[in-house]
C-alpha atoms as a PDB file:
ATOM      1  CA  MET A   1       0.014  -0.060  -0.048  1.00  0.00           C
ATOM      2  CA  PHE A   2       1.199   3.444  -0.513  1.00  0.00           C
ATOM      3  CA  SER A   3      -1.033   6.473   0.725  1.00  0.00           C
ATOM      4  CA  GLY A   4      -0.751   9.833   2.052  1.00  0.00           C
ATOM      5  CA  LEU A   5       0.076  11.951  -0.851  1.00  0.00           C
ATOM      6  CA  VAL A   6       0.803  15.514   0.868  1.00  0.00           C
ATOM      7  CA  ASP A   7       0.280  17.712  -2.509  1.00  0.00           C
ATOM      8  CA  ALA A   8      -2.590  15.579  -3.881  1.00  0.00           C
ATOM      9  CA  HIS A   9      -5.090  17.747  -5.875  1.00  0.00           C
ATOM     10  CA  ARG A  10      -8.198  18.640  -3.989  1.00  0.00           C
ATOM     11  CA  MET A  11     -10.255  16.803  -6.517  1.00  0.00           C
ATOM     12  CA  MET A  12      -8.973  13.424  -5.812  1.00  0.00           C
ATOM     13  CA  SER A  13     -10.984  11.305  -3.723  1.00  0.00           C
ATOM     14  CA  GLU A  14      -9.485   9.407  -0.541  1.00  0.00           C
ATOM     15  CA  ARG A  15      -9.784   6.112  -2.767  1.00  0.00           C
ATOM     16  CA  GLU A  16      -7.371   7.662  -5.517  1.00  0.00           C
ATOM     17  CA  GLN A  17      -5.160   8.681  -2.679  1.00  0.00           C
ATOM     18  CA  ILE A  18      -4.511   4.922  -1.294  1.00  0.00           C
ATOM     19  CA  TRP A  19      -2.600   2.665  -4.330  1.00  0.00           C
ATOM     20  CA  ASP A  20      -3.033  -0.779  -3.354  1.00  0.00           C
ATOM     21  CA  PHE A  21      -0.289  -2.832  -5.155  1.00  0.00           C
ATOM     22  CA  THR A  22      -1.417  -6.311  -2.836  1.00  0.00           C
ATOM     23  CA  GLU A  23      -3.269  -7.379  -6.327  1.00  0.00           C
ATOM     24  CA  ILE A  24       0.061  -7.960  -7.825  1.00  0.00           C
ATOM     25  CA  ILE A  25       0.612 -11.554  -6.617  1.00  0.00           C
ATOM     26  CA  ASN A  26       4.492 -11.770  -7.451  1.00  0.00           C
ATOM     27  CA  PRO A  27       6.395  -9.804  -4.827  1.00  0.00           C
ATOM     28  CA  ARG A  28       9.149  -8.981  -7.349  1.00  0.00           C
ATOM     29  CA  TRP A  29       6.672  -7.569  -9.900  1.00  0.00           C
ATOM     30  CA  ARG A  30       4.965  -5.766  -7.137  1.00  0.00           C
ATOM     31  CA  VAL A  31       8.154  -3.864  -6.542  1.00  0.00           C
ATOM     32  CA  VAL A  32       8.710  -3.076 -10.236  1.00  0.00           C
ATOM     33  CA  ALA A  33       4.880  -1.327 -10.651  1.00  0.00           C
ATOM     34  CA  LYS A  34       5.884   0.567  -7.177  1.00  0.00           C
ATOM     35  CA  GLU A  35       9.153   1.917  -8.748  1.00  0.00           C
ATOM     36  CA  ILE A  36       7.766   2.673 -12.255  1.00  0.00           C
ATOM     37  CA  LEU A  37       5.105   4.675 -10.822  1.00  0.00           C
ATOM     38  CA  LEU A  38       6.858   6.327  -8.479  1.00  0.00           C
ATOM     39  CA  ALA A  39       9.549   7.298 -11.401  1.00  0.00           C
ATOM     40  CA  MET A  40       6.657   8.636 -13.688  1.00  0.00           C
ATOM     41  CA  LEU A  41       5.640  10.966 -10.723  1.00  0.00           C
ATOM     42  CA  ALA A  42       8.867  12.264 -10.016  1.00  0.00           C
ATOM     43  CA  PRO A  43      10.986  12.013 -13.545  1.00  0.00           C
ATOM     44  CA  GLN A  44      13.392  14.589 -12.487  1.00  0.00           C
ATOM     45  CA  TYR A  45      14.609  12.668  -9.517  1.00  0.00           C
ATOM     46  CA  GLU A  46      18.510  11.851  -9.794  1.00  0.00           C
ATOM     47  CA  ALA A  47      18.009   8.310 -10.143  1.00  0.00           C
ATOM     48  CA  VAL A  48      15.408   8.278 -12.677  1.00  0.00           C
ATOM     49  CA  LEU A  49      17.465  10.852 -15.002  1.00  0.00           C
ATOM     50  CA  GLU A  50      20.184   7.847 -15.299  1.00  0.00           C
ATOM     51  CA  CYS A  51      17.684   5.742 -17.080  1.00  0.00           C
ATOM     52  CA  ALA A  52      18.145   6.280 -20.488  1.00  0.00           C
ATOM     53  CA  HIS A  53      14.536   5.236 -21.576  1.00  0.00           C
ATOM     54  CA  ALA A  54      12.551   6.712 -18.868  1.00  0.00           C
ATOM     55  CA  LEU A  55       9.654   9.039 -19.308  1.00  0.00           C
ATOM     56  CA  ARG A  56      10.626  12.650 -18.715  1.00  0.00           C
ATOM     57  CA  THR A  57       7.169  14.190 -18.375  1.00  0.00           C
ATOM     58  CA  ALA A  58       5.605  14.210 -14.955  1.00  0.00           C
ATOM     59  CA  ARG A  59       2.283  12.479 -14.658  1.00  0.00           C
ATOM     60  CA  SER A  60      -0.272  13.213 -12.262  1.00  0.00           C
ATOM     61  CA  PRO A  61      -1.014  11.226  -9.218  1.00  0.00           C
ATOM     62  CA  ARG A  62      -4.743  10.614 -10.146  1.00  0.00           C
ATOM     63  CA  THR A  63      -3.291   9.500 -13.808  1.00  0.00           C
ATOM     64  CA  LEU A  64      -0.814   7.131 -12.101  1.00  0.00           C
ATOM     65  CA  TYR A  65      -3.728   5.630  -9.851  1.00  0.00           C
ATOM     66  CA  GLY A  66      -5.675   4.976 -13.259  1.00  0.00           C
ATOM     67  CA  PHE A  67      -2.796   2.707 -14.424  1.00  0.00           C
ATOM     68  CA  LEU A  68      -2.570   0.564 -11.415  1.00  0.00           C
ATOM     69  CA  GLU A  69      -6.025   0.015 -11.574  1.00  0.00           C
ATOM     70  CA  LYS A  70      -6.007  -1.336 -15.068  1.00  0.00           C
END
């Protein structure tokens, strides 16, 4: 679980602010999913900048929640 977005948009419901990764059964893929979503949330983070193929456009937490729910 990931919760407690400090700067969440006021239009985000409380349900959207809690990211549940427990539906991903394989623990290794669960870690991968967390890292990808966080990298998309903060593309200017130093570790993300080192990745050659990382997306450089920041995504909103609401969009990333939608990716997780698919």
